[in-house]
Amino acid sequence: MPVPVSAKAGPGTARTPWVLKLMLFLVVLLFAVNTLVLAVLTGYVQLPRRVLPLEAARRGGELVVDYSQRLARDLGVDQNQAVRAILAKFKFELEQAASPEAVAQAVLRYGRETQDTILREQENLRREELLAIIRQEERLAGMLGEASITVTRSEERGIEIDDPAGLLSEATRRRIKESKALDRLSQVVEVRVKDGRADLVTPVSVLERLKHAESEVDSLRARLQEVKAQAGLAPLSGTGIIVRLYDAPGSAGVGEIVHDFDVRDIVNELFAAGATGIAVNNQRLVTTSSIRCAGPVILVNQKPIAVNPVTIFALGDPEVLTSSLDLIQVEFKASGVRMEVEQAEDITLPAHGENAGN
C-alpha cells in the first residue's frame, strides 16, 4: 500500500522512517496471521486441544510400539515373522483397550513380550550366522562320526571357540571372531556335527528357563489384574455415565421417593446394555452384591448409602447406556422422581470393599 509523503518539510519529517517500519511490521504480522489461519484450516497445523485420559494413555502405548519397531529395525529383525506378529498383536490390544487401565495392562503384558521376542530373534540371527560360517568349512565334507563345537563370548576375552575335534580351520576361526554379527553374542552356542552335517543345539540354559518363567509370571500377573478389574476386585476406569436419582419435591407418598427396586431396575438395565462395571454411591457391584431396603434406608453391599441423590456410576458406551434408561425415565416422570443422566469421559470405579463409607 503506498504511503503518502508530505512535500512540506516539518517537525514530523524525521519520524517518517519509523512510520514506514511500523506499517511494514503490521503488513508482515497480518501476512503471518493469515498464513497460520490457512494452515489450520487445511490441516497442516494442529492447535492444542484437551487430551482425554484414554487418548493420552493410548498415545503413551503407541510410543512404546514405535520404540519397539525402531529397536527391531535397528537390530535387523523388523521383517522377522515372530517380531511382526507380536507387534501386530500389541497394536491390536492397544486399539481395543477401552480404559487407561486396559492400556496399561496391554503395555505391561505385550511391551515386555515384544522386547523379549525382538532380542530372542536377534540372538537367533547370530546363531544362524555362526552356523552358516561353520557349514562352509571344507573339512566337514569328509568327516564321519559325531563331534561338537561350542562358541562363547565374554567382555574380557571376546569370542572363544571350543573345538575338541579340530574341525575348524584357522580361516574359519578367524571369520567367526571377526564377524560383526557375532560381536554381541550373548549366549553359549553349541553346534553338533554328525557325518559332516552341522546343526544347532537348542539351548536350554538355566538363565533361559528363568527368563521364560519370568515372562510367564508377567503375563499371568497382567491377566490377573485384568480379571480382577472385570470382577470388581480392582479399580476400573473408562468412559460411561453418571445417574443421579432425587426424591420428588415435597415427597410424602411411598411412590414419590427412591426405593431399592428403582436402583435395581436401573442397574439391571445398564448391565443389559453392556456396562462393564457399576458402582452405587462408591459401592462397587459384584456378582454377590445386594441392593435392598432396611426400613427407610437403602443398603448396597450390606452398607447404608446416602440418598437424594442416589448416584450410580456405570462404565461403557455413554450413548448406549443413556438410551437404555429411556423407559425408566418415563416411569419416573409419572411419579415425580427426578433422574439426571450425565455422560462422562473419565470415571473410576473403586474395587469392591475398598470404600467402607457411602
Protein backbone atom coordinates (compact mmCIF):
# COMPACT_ATOMS: atom_id res chain seq x y z
CA MET A 1 0.00 0.00 0.00
CA PRO A 2 1.57 3.35 -1.00
CA VAL A 3 2.33 5.67 1.88
CA PRO A 4 1.53 9.36 1.29
CA VAL A 5 4.52 11.58 1.95
CA SER A 6 4.05 15.30 2.55
CA ALA A 7 6.04 17.58 0.26
CA LYS A 8 6.32 20.09 3.02
CA ALA A 9 9.13 19.55 5.47
CA GLY A 10 8.14 19.85 9.09
CA PRO A 11 8.63 18.51 12.60
CA GLY A 12 7.23 15.07 11.63
CA THR A 13 9.50 14.54 8.66
CA ALA A 14 12.28 12.96 10.73
CA ARG A 15 9.85 10.39 12.09
CA THR A 16 8.69 9.17 8.67
CA PRO A 17 11.10 6.15 8.54
CA TRP A 18 9.64 4.89 11.83
CA VAL A 19 6.14 5.11 10.39
CA LEU A 20 7.26 3.11 7.38
CA LYS A 21 8.81 0.47 9.64
CA LEU A 22 5.65 0.24 11.74
CA MET A 23 3.45 -0.22 8.70
CA LEU A 24 5.84 -2.80 7.29
CA PHE A 25 5.71 -4.68 10.60
CA LEU A 26 1.88 -4.62 10.56
CA VAL A 27 1.81 -5.94 6.99
CA VAL A 28 4.18 -8.80 7.90
CA LEU A 29 2.17 -9.59 11.02
CA LEU A 30 -1.07 -9.67 9.02
CA PHE A 31 0.54 -11.96 6.47
CA ALA A 32 1.76 -14.30 9.25
CA VAL A 33 -1.70 -14.45 10.86
CA ASN A 34 -3.37 -15.19 7.52
CA THR A 35 -0.81 -17.92 6.83
CA LEU A 36 -1.45 -19.52 10.24
CA VAL A 37 -5.23 -19.44 9.74
CA LEU A 38 -4.85 -21.04 6.30
CA ALA A 39 -2.55 -23.73 7.72
CA VAL A 40 -5.07 -24.55 10.47
CA LEU A 41 -7.96 -24.73 8.01
CA THR A 42 -6.05 -27.02 5.67
CA GLY A 43 -4.88 -29.27 8.50
CA TYR A 44 -1.15 -28.55 8.19
CA VAL A 45 -1.12 -27.13 11.71
CA GLN A 46 -2.95 -28.72 14.66
CA LEU A 47 -3.88 -26.41 17.51
CA PRO A 48 -3.57 -27.71 21.08
CA ARG A 49 -6.70 -29.34 22.43
CA ARG A 50 -7.80 -31.11 25.55
CA VAL A 51 -6.38 -34.62 25.65
CA LEU A 52 -8.61 -37.22 27.29
CA PRO A 53 -7.07 -39.72 29.75
CA LEU A 54 -7.74 -42.73 27.49
CA GLU A 55 -6.32 -40.91 24.48
CA ALA A 56 -3.23 -39.87 26.43
CA ALA A 57 -2.71 -43.42 27.69
CA ARG A 58 -3.11 -44.83 24.19
CA ARG A 59 -0.57 -42.33 22.85
CA GLY A 60 1.87 -43.49 25.51
CA GLY A 61 1.31 -47.08 24.42
CA GLU A 62 1.85 -46.11 20.78
CA LEU A 63 5.19 -44.57 21.76
CA VAL A 64 6.20 -47.94 23.24
CA VAL A 65 5.16 -49.64 19.98
CA ASP A 66 7.14 -47.08 17.94
CA TYR A 67 10.21 -47.67 20.11
CA SER A 68 9.86 -51.44 19.67
CA GLN A 69 9.58 -51.03 15.90
CA ARG A 70 12.72 -48.89 15.81
CA LEU A 71 14.54 -51.40 18.01
CA ALA A 72 13.55 -54.25 15.68
CA ARG A 73 14.67 -52.25 12.66
CA ASP A 74 17.99 -51.31 14.23
CA LEU A 75 18.65 -54.94 15.16
CA GLY A 76 17.70 -56.18 11.70
CA VAL A 77 14.69 -58.29 12.74
CA ASP A 78 11.85 -55.95 11.65
CA GLN A 79 10.85 -58.41 8.88
CA ASN A 80 11.01 -61.44 11.16
CA GLN A 81 7.68 -63.27 11.28
CA ALA A 82 7.60 -63.67 15.06
CA VAL A 83 8.50 -60.00 15.60
CA ARG A 84 5.87 -58.76 13.16
CA ALA A 85 3.25 -60.99 14.77
CA ILE A 86 3.88 -59.74 18.33
CA LEU A 87 3.96 -56.10 17.16
CA ALA A 88 0.64 -56.58 15.36
CA LYS A 89 -0.83 -58.15 18.50
CA PHE A 90 0.50 -55.27 20.61
CA LYS A 91 -1.11 -52.67 18.31
CA PHE A 92 -4.41 -54.57 18.25
CA GLU A 93 -4.63 -54.76 22.04
CA LEU A 94 -3.94 -51.01 22.33
CA GLU A 95 -6.71 -50.25 19.84
CA GLN A 96 -9.15 -52.49 21.71
CA ALA A 97 -8.34 -51.05 25.16
CA ALA A 98 -11.38 -49.18 26.48
CA SER A 99 -9.79 -47.54 29.53
CA PRO A 100 -6.41 -46.19 30.70
CA GLU A 101 -6.04 -49.26 32.93
CA ALA A 102 -6.61 -51.57 29.97
CA VAL A 103 -3.94 -49.67 28.03
CA ALA A 104 -1.52 -50.02 30.96
CA GLN A 105 -2.20 -53.75 31.14
CA ALA A 106 -1.59 -54.13 27.40
CA VAL A 107 1.69 -52.21 27.66
CA LEU A 108 2.78 -54.24 30.69
CA ARG A 109 1.95 -57.55 29.05
CA TYR A 110 2.89 -57.03 25.41
CA GLY A 111 5.65 -54.43 25.86
CA ARG A 112 7.83 -56.91 27.72
CA GLU A 113 6.85 -59.78 25.42
CA THR A 114 7.65 -57.70 22.34
CA GLN A 115 11.08 -56.73 23.63
CA ASP A 116 11.89 -60.33 24.59
CA THR A 117 10.81 -61.52 21.14
CA ILE A 118 12.97 -58.93 19.37
CA LEU A 119 16.05 -59.78 21.43
CA ARG A 120 15.43 -63.53 21.06
CA GLU A 121 15.10 -63.29 17.29
CA GLN A 122 18.23 -61.15 17.09
CA GLU A 123 20.11 -63.82 19.02
CA ASN A 124 18.71 -66.43 16.65
CA LEU A 125 20.12 -64.42 13.74
CA ARG A 126 23.55 -64.56 15.38
CA ARG A 127 23.23 -68.30 15.89
CA GLU A 128 22.22 -68.78 12.25
CA GLU A 129 25.17 -66.63 11.14
CA LEU A 130 27.54 -68.82 13.16
CA LEU A 131 26.02 -71.99 11.72
CA ALA A 132 26.35 -70.63 8.17
CA ILE A 133 30.05 -69.93 8.70
CA ILE A 134 30.72 -73.39 10.15
CA ARG A 135 28.83 -75.13 7.35
CA GLN A 136 31.21 -73.53 4.83
CA GLU A 137 34.16 -75.32 6.45
CA GLU A 138 35.63 -77.65 3.82
CA ARG A 139 36.95 -80.11 6.43
CA LEU A 140 33.41 -81.17 7.33
CA ALA A 141 32.83 -82.81 3.95
CA GLY A 142 34.91 -85.89 4.76
CA MET A 143 34.06 -86.04 8.48
CA LEU A 144 32.46 -89.23 9.87
CA GLY A 145 31.10 -89.67 13.36
CA GLU A 146 29.88 -87.02 15.76
CA ALA A 147 31.52 -84.02 17.39
CA SER A 148 30.51 -80.66 18.83
CA ILE A 149 31.77 -77.09 18.56
CA THR A 150 30.98 -74.54 21.28
CA VAL A 151 31.25 -70.79 20.81
CA THR A 152 31.06 -68.30 23.67
CA ARG A 153 31.73 -64.60 24.09
CA SER A 154 32.80 -62.53 27.09
CA GLU A 155 33.66 -58.86 27.52
CA GLU A 156 37.16 -59.74 28.70
CA ARG A 157 38.16 -62.37 26.14
CA GLY A 158 35.81 -61.79 23.23
CA ILE A 159 34.85 -64.78 21.06
CA GLU A 160 36.14 -68.16 22.28
CA ILE A 161 35.86 -71.37 20.25
CA ASP A 162 35.96 -74.82 21.80
CA ASP A 163 36.63 -77.34 19.01
CA PRO A 164 37.98 -80.54 20.60
CA ALA A 165 37.89 -82.49 17.32
CA GLY A 166 39.80 -79.78 15.43
CA LEU A 167 37.18 -79.49 12.70
CA LEU A 168 37.62 -75.79 12.02
CA SER A 169 40.47 -74.33 10.01
CA GLU A 170 42.25 -71.14 11.03
CA ALA A 171 40.43 -69.27 8.27
CA THR A 172 37.03 -70.33 9.63
CA ARG A 173 38.05 -69.44 13.18
CA ARG A 174 39.14 -66.03 12.00
CA ARG A 175 35.84 -65.46 10.19
CA ILE A 176 33.93 -66.32 13.36
CA LYS A 177 35.98 -63.98 15.52
CA GLU A 178 35.80 -61.12 13.01
CA SER A 179 32.07 -61.44 12.30
CA LYS A 180 30.19 -58.24 13.19
CA ALA A 181 27.01 -60.24 13.72
CA LEU A 182 28.69 -62.33 16.44
CA ASP A 183 30.33 -59.37 18.12
CA ARG A 184 27.40 -59.08 20.59
CA LEU A 185 26.73 -62.79 21.07
CA SER A 186 25.05 -63.12 24.47
CA GLN A 187 24.67 -66.86 24.97
CA VAL A 188 26.61 -70.08 24.58
CA VAL A 189 26.05 -71.59 21.15
CA GLU A 190 26.63 -75.27 20.59
CA VAL A 191 26.85 -76.78 17.12
CA ARG A 192 26.67 -80.55 16.72
CA VAL A 193 28.40 -82.04 13.69
CA LYS A 194 27.33 -85.54 12.62
CA ASP A 195 28.77 -87.19 9.50
CA GLY A 196 29.71 -83.81 8.08
CA ARG A 197 26.32 -82.17 8.79
CA ALA A 198 26.36 -79.23 11.22
CA ASP A 199 23.23 -78.28 13.19
CA LEU A 200 22.46 -76.01 16.10
CA VAL A 201 21.74 -77.50 19.51
CA THR A 202 18.72 -75.83 21.09
CA PRO A 203 19.95 -74.01 24.18
CA VAL A 204 18.04 -74.77 27.37
CA SER A 205 20.13 -72.96 29.93
CA VAL A 206 19.06 -72.13 33.45
CA LEU A 207 19.08 -68.44 32.54
CA GLU A 208 16.72 -69.03 29.63
CA ARG A 209 14.40 -71.07 31.81
CA LEU A 210 14.34 -68.22 34.32
CA LYS A 211 13.59 -65.72 31.56
CA HIS A 212 10.79 -67.90 30.27
CA ALA A 213 9.35 -68.32 33.75
CA GLU A 214 9.62 -64.56 34.37
CA SER A 215 7.79 -63.86 31.13
CA GLU A 216 5.04 -66.29 32.12
CA VAL A 217 4.72 -64.64 35.53
CA ASP A 218 4.42 -61.18 33.95
CA SER A 219 1.76 -62.46 31.59
CA LEU A 220 -0.19 -64.13 34.39
CA ARG A 221 0.11 -61.04 36.59
CA ALA A 222 -1.29 -58.82 33.83
CA ARG A 223 -4.10 -61.28 33.19
CA LEU A 224 -4.89 -61.48 36.90
CA GLN A 225 -5.15 -57.68 37.12
CA GLU A 226 -7.45 -57.67 34.11
CA VAL A 227 -9.70 -60.36 35.59
CA LYS A 228 -9.78 -58.62 38.98
CA ALA A 229 -10.85 -55.36 37.36
CA GLN A 230 -13.61 -57.10 35.40
CA ALA A 231 -14.78 -58.97 38.50
CA GLY A 232 -14.88 -55.79 40.57
CA LEU A 233 -11.92 -56.68 42.78
CA ALA A 234 -9.68 -53.94 41.36
CA PRO A 235 -10.37 -50.33 40.33
CA LEU A 236 -11.64 -49.84 36.78
CA SER A 237 -11.66 -46.65 34.69
CA GLY A 238 -13.17 -45.56 31.42
CA THR A 239 -15.96 -43.63 29.76
CA GLY A 240 -19.55 -44.02 30.87
CA ILE A 241 -22.45 -42.24 32.56
CA ILE A 242 -23.38 -40.91 36.00
CA VAL A 243 -27.02 -41.31 37.06
CA ARG A 244 -28.46 -39.28 39.93
CA LEU A 245 -31.84 -40.09 41.50
CA TYR A 246 -33.78 -37.50 43.53
CA ASP A 247 -36.98 -37.91 45.52
CA ALA A 248 -39.97 -35.94 44.20
CA PRO A 249 -40.06 -32.38 45.60
CA GLY A 250 -42.03 -32.32 48.84
CA SER A 251 -42.46 -36.08 48.58
CA ALA A 252 -44.91 -37.55 51.03
CA GLY A 253 -46.17 -40.70 49.35
CA VAL A 254 -44.37 -44.01 49.04
CA GLY A 255 -44.33 -43.74 45.27
CA GLU A 256 -42.58 -40.38 45.31
CA ILE A 257 -39.29 -41.48 46.86
CA VAL A 258 -36.41 -43.53 45.50
CA HIS A 259 -36.62 -47.21 46.54
CA ASP A 260 -34.22 -50.11 46.38
CA PHE A 261 -36.11 -51.64 43.42
CA ASP A 262 -35.67 -48.37 41.49
CA VAL A 263 -31.91 -48.67 41.89
CA ARG A 264 -32.01 -52.38 40.99
CA ASP A 265 -34.05 -51.67 37.83
CA ILE A 266 -31.51 -49.08 36.67
CA VAL A 267 -28.55 -51.35 37.45
CA ASN A 268 -30.12 -54.28 35.58
CA GLU A 269 -30.84 -52.11 32.52
CA LEU A 270 -27.29 -50.80 32.49
CA PHE A 271 -25.76 -54.27 32.73
CA ALA A 272 -28.10 -55.45 29.95
CA ALA A 273 -26.91 -52.52 27.83
CA GLY A 274 -23.28 -53.66 28.13
CA ALA A 275 -21.98 -51.82 31.20
CA THR A 276 -18.54 -53.22 32.10
CA GLY A 277 -18.72 -52.06 35.72
CA ILE A 278 -21.15 -50.28 38.06
CA ALA A 279 -20.88 -48.61 41.46
CA VAL A 280 -23.72 -47.20 43.57
CA ASN A 281 -22.53 -44.36 45.82
CA ASN A 282 -18.97 -45.73 45.59
CA GLN A 283 -20.09 -49.27 46.42
CA ARG A 284 -18.76 -51.45 43.57
CA LEU A 285 -21.22 -54.09 42.43
CA VAL A 286 -20.07 -57.69 42.02
CA THR A 287 -21.93 -60.95 41.46
CA THR A 288 -22.72 -61.29 45.18
CA SER A 289 -23.83 -57.66 45.68
CA SER A 290 -27.29 -56.91 47.06
CA ILE A 291 -29.46 -53.79 46.86
CA ARG A 292 -32.28 -53.76 49.40
CA CYS A 293 -34.15 -51.63 51.91
CA ALA A 294 -34.00 -51.85 55.69
CA GLY A 295 -36.83 -49.61 56.75
CA PRO A 296 -36.23 -46.19 55.16
CA VAL A 297 -32.56 -46.96 54.43
CA ILE A 298 -31.19 -48.35 51.15
CA LEU A 299 -28.40 -50.88 51.65
CA VAL A 300 -25.84 -51.70 48.97
CA ASN A 301 -23.35 -54.46 49.78
CA GLN A 302 -24.97 -54.51 53.23
CA LYS A 303 -23.92 -50.87 53.79
CA PRO A 304 -26.28 -47.85 54.03
CA ILE A 305 -25.87 -45.31 51.26
CA ALA A 306 -26.69 -41.61 51.09
CA VAL A 307 -29.84 -40.66 49.19
CA ASN A 308 -31.23 -37.61 47.44
CA PRO A 309 -29.36 -38.15 45.30
CA VAL A 310 -28.52 -41.80 44.92
CA THR A 311 -25.58 -41.75 42.50
CA ILE A 312 -24.89 -44.60 40.09
CA PHE A 313 -21.65 -44.77 38.10
CA ALA A 314 -21.57 -47.05 35.04
CA LEU A 315 -18.75 -47.72 32.55
CA GLY A 316 -19.49 -48.46 28.92
CA ASP A 317 -20.67 -46.75 25.76
CA PRO A 318 -22.24 -43.49 27.05
CA GLU A 319 -24.79 -43.24 24.23
CA VAL A 320 -25.97 -46.85 24.57
CA LEU A 321 -26.16 -46.68 28.36
CA THR A 322 -28.12 -43.41 28.27
CA SER A 323 -30.67 -44.68 25.76
CA SER A 324 -31.21 -47.86 27.80
CA LEU A 325 -32.80 -45.76 30.56
CA ASP A 326 -35.44 -44.06 28.40
CA LEU A 327 -38.36 -46.19 29.59
CA ILE A 328 -37.37 -45.87 33.24
CA GLN A 329 -37.11 -42.11 32.78
CA VAL A 330 -40.72 -42.03 31.57
CA GLU A 331 -41.88 -44.01 34.61
CA PHE A 332 -40.06 -41.67 36.99
CA LYS A 333 -41.65 -38.59 35.43
CA ALA A 334 -45.08 -40.00 36.24
CA SER A 335 -44.17 -40.38 39.93
CA GLY A 336 -42.21 -37.13 40.24
CA VAL A 337 -38.90 -38.88 40.95
CA ARG A 338 -36.17 -36.99 39.10
CA MET A 339 -33.40 -38.81 37.25
CA GLU A 340 -30.42 -36.96 35.81
CA VAL A 341 -28.03 -38.67 33.40
CA GLU A 342 -24.58 -37.22 32.74
CA GLN A 343 -22.15 -38.63 30.19
CA ALA A 344 -18.52 -38.61 31.39
CA GLU A 345 -15.18 -39.25 29.68
CA ASP A 346 -13.29 -40.40 32.77
CA ILE A 347 -14.92 -42.41 35.54
CA THR A 348 -13.04 -44.56 38.03
CA LEU A 349 -14.90 -47.26 39.94
CA PRO A 350 -13.39 -48.38 43.25
CA ALA A 351 -12.63 -52.00 43.98
CA HIS A 352 -15.28 -53.96 45.84
CA GLY A 353 -14.90 -53.37 49.57
CA GLU A 354 -12.45 -50.54 49.04
CA ASN A 355 -14.77 -47.85 50.40
CA ALA A 356 -16.46 -48.53 53.69
CA GLY A 357 -18.36 -45.25 53.65
CA ASN A 358 -21.19 -44.03 51.43
